Amino acid sequence: MAKKRIKTKTITLKHESGMFTSIFRGFKSNEKYKNPDVAMLRSMLSNEKARLLHVLKAKQPNSLYELTKLLGRDFKSVRQDVRLLEDFGLVEMIPIVKGKREKLKPLLVLDELKINIEI
């Protein structure tokens, strides 16, 4: 039996010259999030986004609509959260074609997220 590969993303916050800077390693991230600050990290790791990540891992919904129903939230808010997590490289949107229709399946692309804070 093949050993399961664990995909990890590490976020390191370092203290430099009186401010925090972030260095993301392991996955590509969107250019605008290349050096996020603590506030951006905090928004990425809100309770709702943590719940969203848990539902993605546990229930593996087949569409954003299904994810929205599982979370009991409105579609626009869930889409914004998924887009942010996608920009950070935690989630991928996989196109699935069924007949003439295409839907996007949100997929959690890592098993582990490590956060290091160096002060």
PDB file of N, CA and C in Angstrom:
ATOM      1  N   MET A   1       0.841  -1.183   0.000  1.00  0.00           N
ATOM      2  CA  MET A   1       0.000   0.000   0.000  1.00  0.00           C
ATOM      3  C   MET A   1       0.884   1.243   0.000  1.00  0.00           C
ATOM      4  N   ALA A   2       0.584   2.191  -0.873  1.00  0.00           N
ATOM      5  CA  ALA A   2       1.383   3.406  -0.984  1.00  0.00           C
ATOM      6  C   ALA A   2       1.152   4.318   0.213  1.00  0.00           C
ATOM      7  N   LYS A   3       2.219   4.950   0.645  1.00  0.00           N
ATOM      8  CA  LYS A   3       2.134   5.871   1.775  1.00  0.00           C
ATOM      9  C   LYS A   3       1.515   7.184   1.306  1.00  0.00           C
ATOM     10  N   LYS A   4       0.546   7.711   2.073  1.00  0.00           N
ATOM     11  CA  LYS A   4      -0.118   8.964   1.719  1.00  0.00           C
ATOM     12  C   LYS A   4       0.848  10.122   1.907  1.00  0.00           C
ATOM     13  N   ARG A   5       0.923  10.970   0.897  1.00  0.00           N
ATOM     14  CA  ARG A   5       1.784  12.146   0.953  1.00  0.00           C
ATOM     15  C   ARG A   5       1.018  13.274   1.623  1.00  0.00           C
ATOM     16  N   ILE A   6       1.581  13.845   2.655  1.00  0.00           N
ATOM     17  CA  ILE A   6       0.967  14.967   3.345  1.00  0.00           C
ATOM     18  C   ILE A   6       1.493  16.250   2.734  1.00  0.00           C
ATOM     19  N   LYS A   7       0.577  17.079   2.248  1.00  0.00           N
ATOM     20  CA  LYS A   7       0.949  18.373   1.685  1.00  0.00           C
ATOM     21  C   LYS A   7       0.872  19.399   2.800  1.00  0.00           C
ATOM     22  N   THR A   8       1.940  20.149   2.965  1.00  0.00           N
ATOM     23  CA  THR A   8       2.046  21.102   4.061  1.00  0.00           C
ATOM     24  C   THR A   8       2.327  22.495   3.521  1.00  0.00           C
ATOM     25  N   LYS A   9       1.763  23.488   4.149  1.00  0.00           N
ATOM     26  CA  LYS A   9       2.084  24.885   3.867  1.00  0.00           C
ATOM     27  C   LYS A   9       2.556  25.490   5.172  1.00  0.00           C
ATOM     28  N   THR A  10       3.688  26.174   5.130  1.00  0.00           N
ATOM     29  CA  THR A  10       4.244  26.796   6.327  1.00  0.00           C
ATOM     30  C   THR A  10       4.197  28.303   6.176  1.00  0.00           C
ATOM     31  N   ILE A  11       3.715  28.972   7.195  1.00  0.00           N
ATOM     32  CA  ILE A  11       3.689  30.431   7.243  1.00  0.00           C
ATOM     33  C   ILE A  11       4.581  30.845   8.398  1.00  0.00           C
ATOM     34  N   THR A  12       5.575  31.669   8.110  1.00  0.00           N
ATOM     35  CA  THR A  12       6.485  32.136   9.148  1.00  0.00           C
ATOM     36  C   THR A  12       6.355  33.646   9.273  1.00  0.00           C
ATOM     37  N   LEU A  13       6.040  34.123  10.446  1.00  0.00           N
ATOM     38  CA  LEU A  13       5.999  35.557  10.719  1.00  0.00           C
ATOM     39  C   LEU A  13       7.262  35.906  11.482  1.00  0.00           C
ATOM     40  N   LYS A  14       8.043  36.835  10.941  1.00  0.00           N
ATOM     41  CA  LYS A  14       9.294  37.238  11.574  1.00  0.00           C
ATOM     42  C   LYS A  14       9.204  38.690  12.004  1.00  0.00           C
ATOM     43  N   HIS A  15       9.861  39.002  13.073  1.00  0.00           N
ATOM     44  CA  HIS A  15       9.903  40.365  13.581  1.00  0.00           C
ATOM     45  C   HIS A  15      11.135  41.047  13.003  1.00  0.00           C
ATOM     46  N   GLU A  16      10.916  42.084  12.209  1.00  0.00           N
ATOM     47  CA  GLU A  16      12.030  42.825  11.610  1.00  0.00           C
ATOM     48  C   GLU A  16      11.758  44.313  11.756  1.00  0.00           C
ATOM     49  N   SER A  17      12.668  45.030  12.367  1.00  0.00           N
ATOM     50  CA  SER A  17      12.597  46.491  12.484  1.00  0.00           C
ATOM     51  C   SER A  17      11.260  46.976  13.027  1.00  0.00           C
ATOM     52  N   GLY A  18      10.750  46.330  14.057  1.00  0.00           N
ATOM     53  CA  GLY A  18       9.531  46.784  14.701  1.00  0.00           C
ATOM     54  C   GLY A  18       8.245  46.404  14.000  1.00  0.00           C
ATOM     55  N   MET A  19       8.291  45.583  12.960  1.00  0.00           N
ATOM     56  CA  MET A  19       7.067  45.167  12.282  1.00  0.00           C
ATOM     57  C   MET A  19       7.172  43.694  11.916  1.00  0.00           C
ATOM     58  N   PHE A  20       6.045  43.070  11.707  1.00  0.00           N
ATOM     59  CA  PHE A  20       6.024  41.685  11.266  1.00  0.00           C
ATOM     60  C   PHE A  20       6.053  41.641   9.748  1.00  0.00           C
ATOM     61  N   THR A  21       6.795  40.686   9.217  1.00  0.00           N
ATOM     62  CA  THR A  21       6.738  40.387   7.794  1.00  0.00           C
ATOM     63  C   THR A  21       6.455  38.901   7.674  1.00  0.00           C
ATOM     64  N   SER A  22       5.877  38.499   6.574  1.00  0.00           N
ATOM     65  CA  SER A  22       5.507  37.094   6.392  1.00  0.00           C
ATOM     66  C   SER A  22       6.257  36.495   5.222  1.00  0.00           C
ATOM     67  N   ILE A  23       6.600  35.254   5.361  1.00  0.00           N
ATOM     68  CA  ILE A  23       7.235  34.506   4.290  1.00  0.00           C
ATOM     69  C   ILE A  23       6.451  33.209   4.134  1.00  0.00           C
ATOM     70  N   PHE A  24       5.892  32.991   2.961  1.00  0.00           N
ATOM     71  CA  PHE A  24       5.144  31.772   2.698  1.00  0.00           C
ATOM     72  C   PHE A  24       6.036  30.809   1.945  1.00  0.00           C
ATOM     73  N   ARG A  25       6.068  29.551   2.406  1.00  0.00           N
ATOM     74  CA  ARG A  25       6.870  28.526   1.753  1.00  0.00           C
ATOM     75  C   ARG A  25       5.995  27.314   1.457  1.00  0.00           C
ATOM     76  N   GLY A  26       6.328  26.602   0.408  1.00  0.00           N
ATOM     77  CA  GLY A  26       5.658  25.347   0.127  1.00  0.00           C
ATOM     78  C   GLY A  26       4.711  25.385  -1.053  1.00  0.00           C
ATOM     79  N   PHE A  27       3.949  26.472  -1.213  1.00  0.00           N
ATOM     80  CA  PHE A  27       3.008  26.602  -2.311  1.00  0.00           C
ATOM     81  C   PHE A  27       3.114  27.992  -2.890  1.00  0.00           C
ATOM     82  N   LYS A  28       2.764  28.130  -4.155  1.00  0.00           N
ATOM     83  CA  LYS A  28       2.705  29.454  -4.761  1.00  0.00           C
ATOM     84  C   LYS A  28       1.500  30.175  -4.181  1.00  0.00           C
ATOM     85  N   SER A  29       1.613  31.479  -4.067  1.00  0.00           N
ATOM     86  CA  SER A  29       0.454  32.270  -3.684  1.00  0.00           C
ATOM     87  C   SER A  29       0.344  33.449  -4.630  1.00  0.00           C
ATOM     88  N   ASN A  30      -0.815  34.038  -4.645  1.00  0.00           N
ATOM     89  CA  ASN A  30      -1.078  35.176  -5.493  1.00  0.00           C
ATOM     90  C   ASN A  30      -0.095  36.293  -5.170  1.00  0.00           C
ATOM     91  N   GLU A  31       0.321  37.058  -6.178  1.00  0.00           N
ATOM     92  CA  GLU A  31       1.308  38.132  -5.988  1.00  0.00           C
ATOM     93  C   GLU A  31       0.894  39.128  -4.912  1.00  0.00           C
ATOM     94  N   LYS A  32      -0.405  39.474  -4.861  1.00  0.00           N
ATOM     95  CA  LYS A  32      -0.821  40.483  -3.892  1.00  0.00           C
ATOM     96  C   LYS A  32      -0.722  39.979  -2.452  1.00  0.00           C
ATOM     97  N   TYR A  33      -0.563  38.663  -2.244  1.00  0.00           N
ATOM     98  CA  TYR A  33      -0.423  38.117  -0.898  1.00  0.00           C
ATOM     99  C   TYR A  33       0.990  37.635  -0.621  1.00  0.00           C
ATOM    100  N   LYS A  34       1.956  38.116  -1.411  1.00  0.00           N
ATOM    101  CA  LYS A  34       3.329  37.636  -1.277  1.00  0.00           C
ATOM    102  C   LYS A  34       3.905  37.949   0.104  1.00  0.00           C
ATOM    103  N   ASN A  35       3.638  39.128   0.643  1.00  0.00           N
ATOM    104  CA  ASN A  35       4.108  39.506   1.970  1.00  0.00           C
ATOM    105  C   ASN A  35       2.964  40.039   2.825  1.00  0.00           C
ATOM    106  N   PRO A  36       2.019  39.173   3.184  1.00  0.00           N
ATOM    107  CA  PRO A  36       0.886  39.633   3.980  1.00  0.00           C
ATOM    108  C   PRO A  36       1.295  39.964   5.408  1.00  0.00           C
ATOM    109  N   ASP A  37       0.524  40.789   6.059  1.00  0.00           N
ATOM    110  CA  ASP A  37       0.811  41.136   7.441  1.00  0.00           C
ATOM    111  C   ASP A  37      -0.054  40.298   8.383  1.00  0.00           C
ATOM    112  N   VAL A  38       0.046  40.566   9.662  1.00  0.00           N
ATOM    113  CA  VAL A  38      -0.686  39.796  10.671  1.00  0.00           C
ATOM    114  C   VAL A  38      -2.193  39.931  10.478  1.00  0.00           C
ATOM    115  N   ALA A  39      -2.676  41.117  10.105  1.00  0.00           N
ATOM    116  CA  ALA A  39      -4.109  41.322   9.902  1.00  0.00           C
ATOM    117  C   ALA A  39      -4.637  40.428   8.785  1.00  0.00           C
ATOM    118  N   MET A  40      -3.869  40.298   7.689  1.00  0.00           N
ATOM    119  CA  MET A  40      -4.286  39.424   6.591  1.00  0.00           C
ATOM    120  C   MET A  40      -4.279  37.966   7.031  1.00  0.00           C
ATOM    121  N   LEU A  41      -3.281  37.591   7.804  1.00  0.00           N
ATOM    122  CA  LEU A  41      -3.222  36.231   8.319  1.00  0.00           C
ATOM    123  C   LEU A  41      -4.424  35.956   9.220  1.00  0.00           C
ATOM    124  N   ARG A  42      -4.751  36.912  10.063  1.00  0.00           N
ATOM    125  CA  ARG A  42      -5.894  36.775  10.965  1.00  0.00           C
ATOM    126  C   ARG A  42      -7.189  36.615  10.172  1.00  0.00           C
ATOM    127  N   SER A  43      -7.352  37.386   9.097  1.00  0.00           N
ATOM    128  CA  SER A  43      -8.572  37.275   8.289  1.00  0.00           C
ATOM    129  C   SER A  43      -8.627  35.932   7.565  1.00  0.00           C
ATOM    130  N   MET A  44      -7.459  35.417   7.168  1.00  0.00           N
ATOM    131  CA  MET A  44      -7.416  34.128   6.501  1.00  0.00           C
ATOM    132  C   MET A  44      -7.787  32.992   7.454  1.00  0.00           C
ATOM    133  N   LEU A  45      -7.507  33.172   8.735  1.00  0.00           N
ATOM    134  CA  LEU A  45      -7.731  32.109   9.709  1.00  0.00           C
ATOM    135  C   LEU A  45      -8.894  32.415  10.647  1.00  0.00           C
ATOM    136  N   SER A  46      -9.952  33.030  10.120  1.00  0.00           N
ATOM    137  CA  SER A  46     -11.128  33.315  10.931  1.00  0.00           C
ATOM    138  C   SER A  46     -11.862  32.012  11.258  1.00  0.00           C
ATOM    139  N   ASN A  47     -12.781  32.080  12.203  1.00  0.00           N
ATOM    140  CA  ASN A  47     -13.555  30.891  12.575  1.00  0.00           C
ATOM    141  C   ASN A  47     -14.355  30.344  11.396  1.00  0.00           C
ATOM    142  N   GLU A  48     -14.950  31.247  10.594  1.00  0.00           N
ATOM    143  CA  GLU A  48     -15.735  30.799   9.441  1.00  0.00           C
ATOM    144  C   GLU A  48     -14.867  30.105   8.399  1.00  0.00           C
ATOM    145  N   LYS A  49     -13.669  30.620   8.180  1.00  0.00           N
ATOM    146  CA  LYS A  49     -12.782  29.985   7.196  1.00  0.00           C
ATOM    147  C   LYS A  49     -12.254  28.649   7.719  1.00  0.00           C
ATOM    148  N   ALA A  50     -12.011  28.567   9.018  1.00  0.00           N
ATOM    149  CA  ALA A  50     -11.593  27.293   9.616  1.00  0.00           C
ATOM    150  C   ALA A  50     -12.713  26.260   9.471  1.00  0.00           C
ATOM    151  N   ARG A  51     -13.953  26.694   9.691  1.00  0.00           N
ATOM    152  CA  ARG A  51     -15.103  25.803   9.521  1.00  0.00           C
ATOM    153  C   ARG A  51     -15.238  25.377   8.057  1.00  0.00           C
ATOM    154  N   LEU A  52     -15.021  26.310   7.149  1.00  0.00           N
ATOM    155  CA  LEU A  52     -15.079  26.022   5.721  1.00  0.00           C
ATOM    156  C   LEU A  52     -14.036  24.964   5.349  1.00  0.00           C
ATOM    157  N   LEU A  53     -12.802  25.135   5.834  1.00  0.00           N
ATOM    158  CA  LEU A  53     -11.740  24.156   5.556  1.00  0.00           C
ATOM    159  C   LEU A  53     -12.096  22.778   6.113  1.00  0.00           C
ATOM    160  N   HIS A  54     -12.681  22.759   7.302  1.00  0.00           N
ATOM    161  CA  HIS A  54     -13.080  21.482   7.918  1.00  0.00           C
ATOM    162  C   HIS A  54     -14.153  20.786   7.072  1.00  0.00           C
ATOM    163  N   VAL A  55     -15.149  21.546   6.621  1.00  0.00           N
ATOM    164  CA  VAL A  55     -16.213  20.960   5.802  1.00  0.00           C
ATOM    165  C   VAL A  55     -15.644  20.459   4.474  1.00  0.00           C
ATOM    166  N   LEU A  56     -14.718  21.211   3.882  1.00  0.00           N
ATOM    167  CA  LEU A  56     -14.086  20.744   2.641  1.00  0.00           C
ATOM    168  C   LEU A  56     -13.387  19.406   2.845  1.00  0.00           C
ATOM    169  N   LYS A  57     -12.689  19.279   3.958  1.00  0.00           N
ATOM    170  CA  LYS A  57     -11.959  18.037   4.218  1.00  0.00           C
ATOM    171  C   LYS A  57     -12.909  16.888   4.577  1.00  0.00           C
ATOM    172  N   ALA A  58     -13.879  17.146   5.445  1.00  0.00           N
ATOM    173  CA  ALA A  58     -14.747  16.086   5.947  1.00  0.00           C
ATOM    174  C   ALA A  58     -15.831  15.672   4.948  1.00  0.00           C
ATOM    175  N   LYS A  59     -16.478  16.628   4.301  1.00  0.00           N
ATOM    176  CA  LYS A  59     -17.640  16.332   3.452  1.00  0.00           C
ATOM    177  C   LYS A  59     -17.320  16.281   1.958  1.00  0.00           C
ATOM    178  N   GLN A  60     -16.224  16.912   1.534  1.00  0.00           N
ATOM    179  CA  GLN A  60     -15.798  16.946   0.137  1.00  0.00           C
ATOM    180  C   GLN A  60     -16.955  17.275  -0.813  1.00  0.00           C
ATOM    181  N   PRO A  61     -17.525  18.487  -0.672  1.00  0.00           N
ATOM    182  CA  PRO A  61     -18.656  18.866  -1.532  1.00  0.00           C
ATOM    183  C   PRO A  61     -18.245  18.935  -3.000  1.00  0.00           C
ATOM    184  N   ASN A  62     -19.216  18.692  -3.887  1.00  0.00           N
ATOM    185  CA  ASN A  62     -18.952  18.658  -5.323  1.00  0.00           C
ATOM    186  C   ASN A  62     -19.098  20.007  -6.013  1.00  0.00           C
ATOM    187  N   SER A  63     -19.556  21.034  -5.279  1.00  0.00           N
ATOM    188  CA  SER A  63     -19.723  22.350  -5.885  1.00  0.00           C
ATOM    189  C   SER A  63     -19.733  23.419  -4.801  1.00  0.00           C
ATOM    190  N   LEU A  64     -19.586  24.671  -5.222  1.00  0.00           N
ATOM    191  CA  LEU A  64     -19.702  25.779  -4.277  1.00  0.00           C
ATOM    192  C   LEU A  64     -21.101  25.844  -3.691  1.00  0.00           C
ATOM    193  N   TYR A  65     -22.091  25.549  -4.510  1.00  0.00           N
ATOM    194  CA  TYR A  65     -23.473  25.558  -4.031  1.00  0.00           C
ATOM    195  C   TYR A  65     -23.665  24.540  -2.900  1.00  0.00           C
ATOM    196  N   GLU A  66     -23.141  23.342  -3.088  1.00  0.00           N
ATOM    197  CA  GLU A  66     -23.248  22.305  -2.058  1.00  0.00           C
ATOM    198  C   GLU A  66     -22.496  22.723  -0.792  1.00  0.00           C
ATOM    199  N   LEU A  67     -21.331  23.327  -0.953  1.00  0.00           N
ATOM    200  CA  LEU A  67     -20.561  23.821   0.185  1.00  0.00           C
ATOM    201  C   LEU A  67     -21.362  24.883   0.942  1.00  0.00           C
ATOM    202  N   THR A  68     -22.000  25.786   0.195  1.00  0.00           N
ATOM    203  CA  THR A  68     -22.822  26.833   0.797  1.00  0.00           C
ATOM    204  C   THR A  68     -23.941  26.231   1.646  1.00  0.00           C
ATOM    205  N   LYS A  69     -24.607  25.216   1.120  1.00  0.00           N
ATOM    206  CA  LYS A  69     -25.698  24.561   1.858  1.00  0.00           C
ATOM    207  C   LYS A  69     -25.180  23.859   3.109  1.00  0.00           C
ATOM    208  N   LEU A  70     -24.020  23.204   3.008  1.00  0.00           N
ATOM    209  CA  LEU A  70     -23.444  22.521   4.172  1.00  0.00           C
ATOM    210  C   LEU A  70     -23.064  23.505   5.275  1.00  0.00           C
ATOM    211  N   LEU A  71     -22.601  24.693   4.874  1.00  0.00           N
ATOM    212  CA  LEU A  71     -22.198  25.705   5.852  1.00  0.00           C
ATOM    213  C   LEU A  71     -23.373  26.517   6.378  1.00  0.00           C
ATOM    214  N   GLY A  72     -24.493  26.537   5.654  1.00  0.00           N
ATOM    215  CA  GLY A  72     -25.641  27.336   6.054  1.00  0.00           C
ATOM    216  C   GLY A  72     -25.377  28.827   5.940  1.00  0.00           C
ATOM    217  N   ARG A  73     -24.594  29.219   4.933  1.00  0.00           N
ATOM    218  CA  ARG A  73     -24.233  30.622   4.709  1.00  0.00           C
ATOM    219  C   ARG A  73     -24.680  31.036   3.316  1.00  0.00           C
ATOM    220  N   ASP A  74     -24.628  32.345   3.035  1.00  0.00           N
ATOM    221  CA  ASP A  74     -25.026  32.791   1.697  1.00  0.00           C
ATOM    222  C   ASP A  74     -23.872  32.564   0.711  1.00  0.00           C
ATOM    223  N   PHE A  75     -24.260  32.392  -0.556  1.00  0.00           N
ATOM    224  CA  PHE A  75     -23.319  32.013  -1.610  1.00  0.00           C
ATOM    225  C   PHE A  75     -22.195  33.031  -1.778  1.00  0.00           C
ATOM    226  N   LYS A  76     -22.536  34.319  -1.774  1.00  0.00           N
ATOM    227  CA  LYS A  76     -21.532  35.358  -2.020  1.00  0.00           C
ATOM    228  C   LYS A  76     -20.431  35.336  -0.956  1.00  0.00           C
ATOM    229  N   SER A  77     -20.791  35.174   0.310  1.00  0.00           N
ATOM    230  CA  SER A  77     -19.796  35.135   1.394  1.00  0.00           C
ATOM    231  C   SER A  77     -18.886  33.916   1.280  1.00  0.00           C
ATOM    232  N   VAL A  78     -19.491  32.780   0.970  1.00  0.00           N
ATOM    233  CA  VAL A  78     -18.696  31.554   0.826  1.00  0.00           C
ATOM    234  C   VAL A  78     -17.745  31.687  -0.360  1.00  0.00           C
ATOM    235  N   ARG A  79     -18.223  32.244  -1.466  1.00  0.00           N
ATOM    236  CA  ARG A  79     -17.374  32.415  -2.650  1.00  0.00           C
ATOM    237  C   ARG A  79     -16.195  33.341  -2.349  1.00  0.00           C
ATOM    238  N   GLN A  80     -16.438  34.418  -1.604  1.00  0.00           N
ATOM    239  CA  GLN A  80     -15.354  35.333  -1.232  1.00  0.00           C
ATOM    240  C   GLN A  80     -14.324  34.631  -0.352  1.00  0.00           C
ATOM    241  N   ASP A  81     -14.803  33.850   0.613  1.00  0.00           N
ATOM    242  CA  ASP A  81     -13.882  33.116   1.490  1.00  0.00           C
ATOM    243  C   ASP A  81     -13.071  32.088   0.709  1.00  0.00           C
ATOM    244  N   VAL A  82     -13.734  31.371  -0.186  1.00  0.00           N
ATOM    245  CA  VAL A  82     -13.037  30.365  -0.997  1.00  0.00           C
ATOM    246  C   VAL A  82     -12.011  31.043  -1.896  1.00  0.00           C
ATOM    247  N   ARG A  83     -12.360  32.191  -2.464  1.00  0.00           N
ATOM    248  CA  ARG A  83     -11.429  32.918  -3.332  1.00  0.00           C
ATOM    249  C   ARG A  83     -10.175  33.341  -2.556  1.00  0.00           C
ATOM    250  N   LEU A  84     -10.349  33.833  -1.322  1.00  0.00           N
ATOM    251  CA  LEU A  84      -9.205  34.220  -0.497  1.00  0.00           C
ATOM    252  C   LEU A  84      -8.333  33.003  -0.187  1.00  0.00           C
ATOM    253  N   LEU A  85      -8.956  31.901   0.214  1.00  0.00           N
ATOM    254  CA  LEU A  85      -8.204  30.677   0.513  1.00  0.00           C
ATOM    255  C   LEU A  85      -7.524  30.132  -0.739  1.00  0.00           C
ATOM    256  N   GLU A  86      -8.148  30.330  -1.875  1.00  0.00           N
ATOM    257  CA  GLU A  86      -7.541  29.926  -3.149  1.00  0.00           C
ATOM    258  C   GLU A  86      -6.317  30.795  -3.443  1.00  0.00           C
ATOM    259  N   ASP A  87      -6.414  32.098  -3.189  1.00  0.00           N
ATOM    260  CA  ASP A  87      -5.287  33.002  -3.408  1.00  0.00           C
ATOM    261  C   ASP A  87      -4.092  32.639  -2.534  1.00  0.00           C
ATOM    262  N   PHE A  88      -4.363  32.150  -1.327  1.00  0.00           N
ATOM    263  CA  PHE A  88      -3.291  31.746  -0.420  1.00  0.00           C
ATOM    264  C   PHE A  88      -2.773  30.345  -0.715  1.00  0.00           C
ATOM    265  N   GLY A  89      -3.406  29.622  -1.638  1.00  0.00           N
ATOM    266  CA  GLY A  89      -2.927  28.297  -2.027  1.00  0.00           C
ATOM    267  C   GLY A  89      -3.432  27.173  -1.154  1.00  0.00           C
ATOM    268  N   LEU A  90      -4.501  27.406  -0.393  1.00  0.00           N
ATOM    269  CA  LEU A  90      -5.051  26.360   0.469  1.00  0.00           C
ATOM    270  C   LEU A  90      -6.144  25.569  -0.236  1.00  0.00           C
ATOM    271  N   VAL A  91      -6.812  26.190  -1.206  1.00  0.00           N
ATOM    272  CA  VAL A  91      -7.941  25.584  -1.912  1.00  0.00           C
ATOM    273  C   VAL A  91      -7.736  25.769  -3.409  1.00  0.00           C
ATOM    274  N   GLU A  92      -8.166  24.777  -4.181  1.00  0.00           N
ATOM    275  CA  GLU A  92      -8.180  24.886  -5.643  1.00  0.00           C
ATOM    276  C   GLU A  92      -9.603  24.672  -6.130  1.00  0.00           C
ATOM    277  N   MET A  93      -9.952  25.352  -7.205  1.00  0.00           N
ATOM    278  CA  MET A  93     -11.256  25.174  -7.825  1.00  0.00           C
ATOM    279  C   MET A  93     -11.056  24.300  -9.061  1.00  0.00           C
ATOM    280  N   ILE A  94     -11.645  23.111  -9.050  1.00  0.00           N
ATOM    281  CA  ILE A  94     -11.489  22.138 -10.124  1.00  0.00           C
ATOM    282  C   ILE A  94     -12.743  22.165 -11.002  1.00  0.00           C
ATOM    283  N   PRO A  95     -12.606  22.460 -12.310  1.00  0.00           N
ATOM    284  CA  PRO A  95     -13.786  22.450 -13.182  1.00  0.00           C
ATOM    285  C   PRO A  95     -14.261  21.018 -13.449  1.00  0.00           C
ATOM    286  N   ILE A  96     -15.564  20.804 -13.309  1.00  0.00           N
ATOM    287  CA  ILE A  96     -16.172  19.507 -13.581  1.00  0.00           C
ATOM    288  C   ILE A  96     -17.259  19.733 -14.632  1.00  0.00           C
ATOM    289  N   VAL A  97     -17.144  19.035 -15.766  1.00  0.00           N
ATOM    290  CA  VAL A  97     -18.104  19.180 -16.857  1.00  0.00           C
ATOM    291  C   VAL A  97     -19.087  18.014 -16.796  1.00  0.00           C
ATOM    292  N   LYS A  98     -20.373  18.375 -16.798  1.00  0.00           N
ATOM    293  CA  LYS A  98     -21.431  17.364 -16.800  1.00  0.00           C
ATOM    294  C   LYS A  98     -22.417  17.769 -17.890  1.00  0.00           C
ATOM    295  N   GLY A  99     -22.365  17.055 -18.997  1.00  0.00           N
ATOM    296  CA  GLY A  99     -23.184  17.441 -20.141  1.00  0.00           C
ATOM    297  C   GLY A  99     -22.657  18.738 -20.727  1.00  0.00           C
ATOM    298  N   LYS A 100     -23.539  19.734 -20.841  1.00  0.00           N
ATOM    299  CA  LYS A 100     -23.131  21.034 -21.365  1.00  0.00           C
ATOM    300  C   LYS A 100     -22.808  22.016 -20.241  1.00  0.00           C
ATOM    301  N   ARG A 101     -22.976  21.591 -19.018  1.00  0.00           N
ATOM    302  CA  ARG A 101     -22.755  22.483 -17.869  1.00  0.00           C
ATOM    303  C   ARG A 101     -21.396  22.230 -17.234  1.00  0.00           C
ATOM    304  N   GLU A 102     -20.819  23.296 -16.719  1.00  0.00           N
ATOM    305  CA  GLU A 102     -19.558  23.185 -15.987  1.00  0.00           C
ATOM    306  C   GLU A 102     -19.767  23.783 -14.608  1.00  0.00           C
ATOM    307  N   LYS A 103     -19.300  23.057 -13.587  1.00  0.00           N
ATOM    308  CA  LYS A 103     -19.346  23.604 -12.232  1.00  0.00           C
ATOM    309  C   LYS A 103     -17.947  23.523 -11.641  1.00  0.00           C
ATOM    310  N   LEU A 104     -17.717  24.313 -10.627  1.00  0.00           N
ATOM    311  CA  LEU A 104     -16.417  24.332  -9.968  1.00  0.00           C
ATOM    312  C   LEU A 104     -16.502  23.596  -8.639  1.00  0.00           C
ATOM    313  N   LYS A 105     -15.615  22.648  -8.470  1.00  0.00           N
ATOM    314  CA  LYS A 105     -15.556  21.882  -7.235  1.00  0.00           C
ATOM    315  C   LYS A 105     -14.422  22.429  -6.377  1.00  0.00           C
ATOM    316  N   PRO A 106     -14.736  22.897  -5.155  1.00  0.00           N
ATOM    317  CA  PRO A 106     -13.663  23.363  -4.272  1.00  0.00           C
ATOM    318  C   PRO A 106     -12.921  22.156  -3.692  1.00  0.00           C
ATOM    319  N   LEU A 107     -11.600  22.217  -3.742  1.00  0.00           N
ATOM    320  CA  LEU A 107     -10.787  21.098  -3.283  1.00  0.00           C
ATOM    321  C   LEU A 107      -9.717  21.599  -2.327  1.00  0.00           C
ATOM    322  N   LEU A 108      -9.665  21.037  -1.144  1.00  0.00           N
ATOM    323  CA  LEU A 108      -8.623  21.361  -0.167  1.00  0.00           C
ATOM    324  C   LEU A 108      -7.337  20.697  -0.638  1.00  0.00           C
ATOM    325  N   VAL A 109      -6.267  21.475  -0.807  1.00  0.00           N
ATOM    326  CA  VAL A 109      -5.053  20.924  -1.411  1.00  0.00           C
ATOM    327  C   VAL A 109      -3.942  20.647  -0.409  1.00  0.00           C
ATOM    328  N   LEU A 110      -4.226  20.756   0.879  1.00  0.00           N
ATOM    329  CA  LEU A 110      -3.203  20.432   1.860  1.00  0.00           C
ATOM    330  C   LEU A 110      -3.822  19.723   3.046  1.00  0.00           C
ATOM    331  N   ASP A 111      -2.994  19.017   3.764  1.00  0.00           N
ATOM    332  CA  ASP A 111      -3.434  18.282   4.943  1.00  0.00           C
ATOM    333  C   ASP A 111      -2.984  18.965   6.231  1.00  0.00           C
ATOM    334  N   GLU A 112      -2.040  19.874   6.103  1.00  0.00           N
ATOM    335  CA  GLU A 112      -1.433  20.466   7.288  1.00  0.00           C
ATOM    336  C   GLU A 112      -1.049  21.909   6.998  1.00  0.00           C
ATOM    337  N   LEU A 113      -1.314  22.792   7.962  1.00  0.00           N
ATOM    338  CA  LEU A 113      -0.911  24.187   7.876  1.00  0.00           C
ATOM    339  C   LEU A 113      -0.152  24.505   9.141  1.00  0.00           C
ATOM    340  N   LYS A 114       1.114  24.908   8.968  1.00  0.00           N
ATOM    341  CA  LYS A 114       1.960  25.246  10.117  1.00  0.00           C
ATOM    342  C   LYS A 114       2.163  26.739  10.138  1.00  0.00           C
ATOM    343  N   ILE A 115       2.053  27.318  11.317  1.00  0.00           N
ATOM    344  CA  ILE A 115       2.296  28.751  11.497  1.00  0.00           C
ATOM    345  C   ILE A 115       3.393  28.916  12.542  1.00  0.00           C
ATOM    346  N   ASN A 116       4.478  29.542  12.136  1.00  0.00           N
ATOM    347  CA  ASN A 116       5.594  29.825  13.040  1.00  0.00           C
ATOM    348  C   ASN A 116       5.631  31.329  13.271  1.00  0.00           C
ATOM    349  N   ILE A 117       5.754  31.733  14.510  1.00  0.00           N
ATOM    350  CA  ILE A 117       5.883  33.146  14.821  1.00  0.00           C
ATOM    351  C   ILE A 117       7.193  33.347  15.555  1.00  0.00           C
ATOM    352  N   GLU A 118       8.092  34.062  14.890  1.00  0.00           N
ATOM    353  CA  GLU A 118       9.389  34.365  15.497  1.00  0.00           C
ATOM    354  C   GLU A 118       9.343  35.792  16.015  1.00  0.00           C
ATOM    355  N   ILE A 119       9.626  35.958  17.275  1.00  0.00           N
ATOM    356  CA  ILE A 119       9.591  37.289  17.892  1.00  0.00           C
ATOM    357  C   ILE A 119      10.985  37.695  18.326  1.00  0.00           C
TER     358      ILE A 119
END
